[in-house]
N, C-alpha and C. Protein backbone atom coordinates (compact mmCIF):
# COMPACT_ATOMS: atom_id res chain seq x y z
N MET A 1 79.51 45.17 59.77
CA MET A 1 79.75 44.67 58.68
C MET A 1 79.67 45.66 57.15
N ASN A 2 80.00 44.67 56.37
CA ASN A 2 79.39 45.87 54.96
C ASN A 2 77.97 45.59 54.77
N LYS A 3 77.79 46.38 54.10
CA LYS A 3 76.39 46.28 53.53
C LYS A 3 76.30 45.80 52.52
N THR A 4 76.81 45.60 51.39
CA THR A 4 76.95 44.21 50.30
C THR A 4 76.25 42.90 50.96
N LEU A 5 77.32 42.70 51.69
CA LEU A 5 77.24 41.46 52.45
C LEU A 5 75.87 41.07 52.80
N GLU A 6 75.52 42.34 53.77
CA GLU A 6 74.27 41.94 54.76
C GLU A 6 73.01 42.43 53.36
N PHE A 7 73.24 43.07 52.30
CA PHE A 7 72.22 42.83 51.33
C PHE A 7 72.36 41.12 50.91
N CYS A 8 72.96 40.46 50.27
CA CYS A 8 73.03 39.60 49.56
C CYS A 8 72.39 38.77 50.52
N LYS A 9 72.88 38.52 52.07
CA LYS A 9 72.04 37.51 52.99
C LYS A 9 70.52 37.91 53.05
N ASN A 10 70.50 38.97 52.69
CA ASN A 10 69.07 39.56 52.79
C ASN A 10 68.14 38.59 51.51
N VAL A 11 68.94 38.93 50.20
CA VAL A 11 68.14 38.36 49.50
C VAL A 11 68.33 37.14 48.92
N LEU A 12 69.48 36.40 49.72
CA LEU A 12 68.87 34.96 49.63
C LEU A 12 68.13 34.33 50.90
N SER A 13 67.92 35.18 51.19
CA SER A 13 66.80 34.30 52.60
C SER A 13 65.60 34.70 51.55
N ARG A 14 65.30 35.48 51.22
CA ARG A 14 63.96 35.74 50.62
C ARG A 14 63.62 35.23 49.11
N ALA A 15 64.75 34.64 48.68
CA ALA A 15 65.05 34.20 47.59
C ALA A 15 64.72 32.13 48.13
N SER A 16 64.93 32.06 49.47
CA SER A 16 65.03 30.44 49.74
C SER A 16 63.85 29.76 49.54
N PHE A 17 62.92 30.65 48.90
CA PHE A 17 61.63 29.68 48.83
C PHE A 17 61.54 28.92 47.41
N ASP A 18 62.94 29.37 46.45
CA ASP A 18 62.92 28.61 45.26
C ASP A 18 64.05 28.23 44.87
N ARG A 19 64.60 27.05 44.28
CA ARG A 19 65.76 26.68 44.53
C ARG A 19 66.64 27.00 43.54
N ALA A 20 66.04 27.39 42.07
CA ALA A 20 66.36 27.52 41.26
C ALA A 20 66.80 29.28 41.34
N LEU A 21 65.94 30.21 42.00
CA LEU A 21 65.76 31.73 42.34
C LEU A 21 67.56 31.62 43.46
N PHE A 22 67.44 30.69 44.34
CA PHE A 22 68.42 30.51 45.29
C PHE A 22 69.78 30.60 44.83
N ALA A 23 69.98 29.57 43.82
CA ALA A 23 70.96 29.72 43.14
C ALA A 23 71.47 30.47 42.55
N LYS A 24 70.99 31.27 41.49
CA LYS A 24 71.11 32.20 40.67
C LYS A 24 71.22 33.56 41.88
N GLU A 25 70.78 33.94 42.65
CA GLU A 25 71.10 34.80 43.74
C GLU A 25 72.29 34.45 44.65
N LEU A 26 72.70 33.48 44.65
CA LEU A 26 73.89 32.98 45.47
C LEU A 26 75.01 33.36 44.75
N LYS A 27 74.80 32.89 43.35
CA LYS A 27 76.26 32.95 42.31
C LYS A 27 76.35 34.85 42.08
N LYS A 28 75.28 35.44 41.72
CA LYS A 28 75.50 36.96 41.65
C LYS A 28 76.14 37.18 43.11
N SER A 29 75.39 36.84 44.37
CA SER A 29 75.90 37.26 45.56
C SER A 29 77.90 37.12 45.76
N PHE A 30 77.84 36.23 45.20
CA PHE A 30 79.72 35.53 45.08
C PHE A 30 80.13 36.73 44.47
N LEU A 31 79.73 37.02 42.92
CA LEU A 31 80.32 37.38 41.88
C LEU A 31 80.43 38.97 42.37
N TRP A 32 79.65 39.71 43.60
CA TRP A 32 79.80 41.08 44.33
C TRP A 32 80.59 41.18 45.39
N LEU A 33 80.70 39.91 45.44
CA LEU A 33 81.48 39.92 47.13
C LEU A 33 83.24 40.46 47.08
N PRO A 34 84.10 40.40 47.37
CA PRO A 34 85.51 40.74 47.91
C PRO A 34 85.83 38.55 48.21
N GLN A 35 86.96 38.44 48.38
CA GLN A 35 86.65 37.14 48.36
C GLN A 35 86.84 36.56 49.72
N LYS A 36 87.24 38.01 50.55
CA LYS A 36 86.87 37.29 52.18
C LYS A 36 85.28 37.11 52.67
N GLU A 37 84.89 38.27 52.06
CA GLU A 37 83.20 38.63 52.27
C GLU A 37 82.50 36.92 51.59
N ALA A 38 83.19 36.85 50.51
CA ALA A 38 82.28 35.48 50.12
C ALA A 38 83.05 34.62 50.94
N LEU A 39 83.54 34.38 50.97
CA LEU A 39 83.95 32.93 52.34
C LEU A 39 83.12 33.26 53.42
N GLU A 40 82.61 34.51 53.85
CA GLU A 40 82.07 34.49 55.08
C GLU A 40 80.80 34.34 54.53
N LEU A 41 80.33 34.95 53.43
CA LEU A 41 78.89 34.52 52.96
C LEU A 41 78.56 32.61 52.66
N LYS A 42 79.65 32.13 52.09
CA LYS A 42 79.30 30.74 52.33
C LYS A 42 79.10 30.37 53.58
N ARG A 43 79.94 30.52 54.57
CA ARG A 43 79.92 30.08 55.84
C ARG A 43 78.50 30.22 56.13
N TRP A 44 77.77 31.58 56.31
CA TRP A 44 76.49 32.04 56.43
C TRP A 44 75.52 30.66 55.77
N ALA A 45 75.63 30.83 54.11
CA ALA A 45 74.50 29.89 53.91
C ALA A 45 74.48 28.64 54.35
N ILE A 46 75.57 27.98 54.52
CA ILE A 46 75.90 26.73 54.87
C ILE A 46 75.13 26.35 56.03
N ALA A 47 75.36 27.85 57.15
CA ALA A 47 74.54 27.38 58.69
C ALA A 47 73.48 28.08 58.53
N SER A 48 72.53 28.87 57.36
CA SER A 48 71.31 28.84 57.47
C SER A 48 70.63 28.19 56.22
N PHE A 49 71.33 27.60 55.43
CA PHE A 49 70.27 27.07 54.48
C PHE A 49 70.81 25.27 54.04
N GLY A 50 72.31 24.66 54.62
CA GLY A 50 72.40 23.94 54.85
C GLY A 50 72.11 22.35 54.12
N ARG A 51 71.01 22.49 54.80
CA ARG A 51 70.04 21.03 54.80
C ARG A 51 69.06 21.12 53.06
N PRO A 52 68.83 21.78 52.99
CA PRO A 52 67.78 21.89 51.44
C PRO A 52 68.99 22.58 50.42
N TYR A 53 70.00 23.24 50.60
CA TYR A 53 70.47 23.90 49.37
C TYR A 53 71.86 23.04 49.85
N ALA A 54 72.41 22.38 50.50
CA ALA A 54 74.14 21.65 50.44
C ALA A 54 74.91 21.72 48.84
N GLY A 55 73.94 21.01 48.27
CA GLY A 55 75.18 21.29 46.93
C GLY A 55 74.85 22.27 45.93
N ILE A 56 73.64 22.84 45.84
CA ILE A 56 73.86 24.62 45.23
C ILE A 56 75.36 24.78 46.05
N ILE A 57 75.26 24.72 47.10
CA ILE A 57 76.04 25.88 47.91
C ILE A 57 77.73 25.24 47.30
N ALA A 58 77.49 23.86 47.47
CA ALA A 58 78.76 23.11 47.25
C ALA A 58 79.75 23.67 46.05
N SER A 59 78.43 23.05 44.89
CA SER A 59 79.24 23.51 43.50
C SER A 59 79.20 24.85 43.33
N THR A 60 78.75 25.98 43.83
CA THR A 60 78.37 27.55 43.67
C THR A 60 80.10 27.73 44.28
N PHE A 61 80.45 27.63 44.61
CA PHE A 61 81.77 27.75 45.51
C PHE A 61 82.60 27.02 45.15
N ALA A 62 82.49 25.38 44.54
CA ALA A 62 83.74 25.00 44.09
C ALA A 62 84.07 25.68 42.71
N ALA A 63 82.95 26.01 42.23
CA ALA A 63 83.39 26.56 41.04
C ALA A 63 84.06 27.89 40.92
N ALA A 64 83.83 28.68 41.87
CA ALA A 64 84.71 29.72 41.89
C ALA A 64 86.17 29.68 42.75
N GLN A 65 86.07 27.98 43.03
CA GLN A 65 87.33 28.03 43.76
C GLN A 65 87.43 28.75 44.87
N LEU A 66 86.37 28.77 45.54
CA LEU A 66 86.73 29.17 47.59
C LEU A 66 86.72 28.02 48.19
N GLY A 67 87.42 28.18 49.21
CA GLY A 67 87.44 26.64 50.34
C GLY A 67 86.11 25.97 50.52
């Protein structure tokens, strides 16, 4: 697996205590990753943080026009 993707997952896990920080880090993560890996990050984020951050995840990826 890509080291950048793993790094992004680690950062998001650590930032998950704060909604604003999680949203900021999710947006940055998306910008760093190629589309295929960004989609993988989206799936992981939904599986890991779908309940508390469903709206943030959906709006971040909708703005990026990714599935």
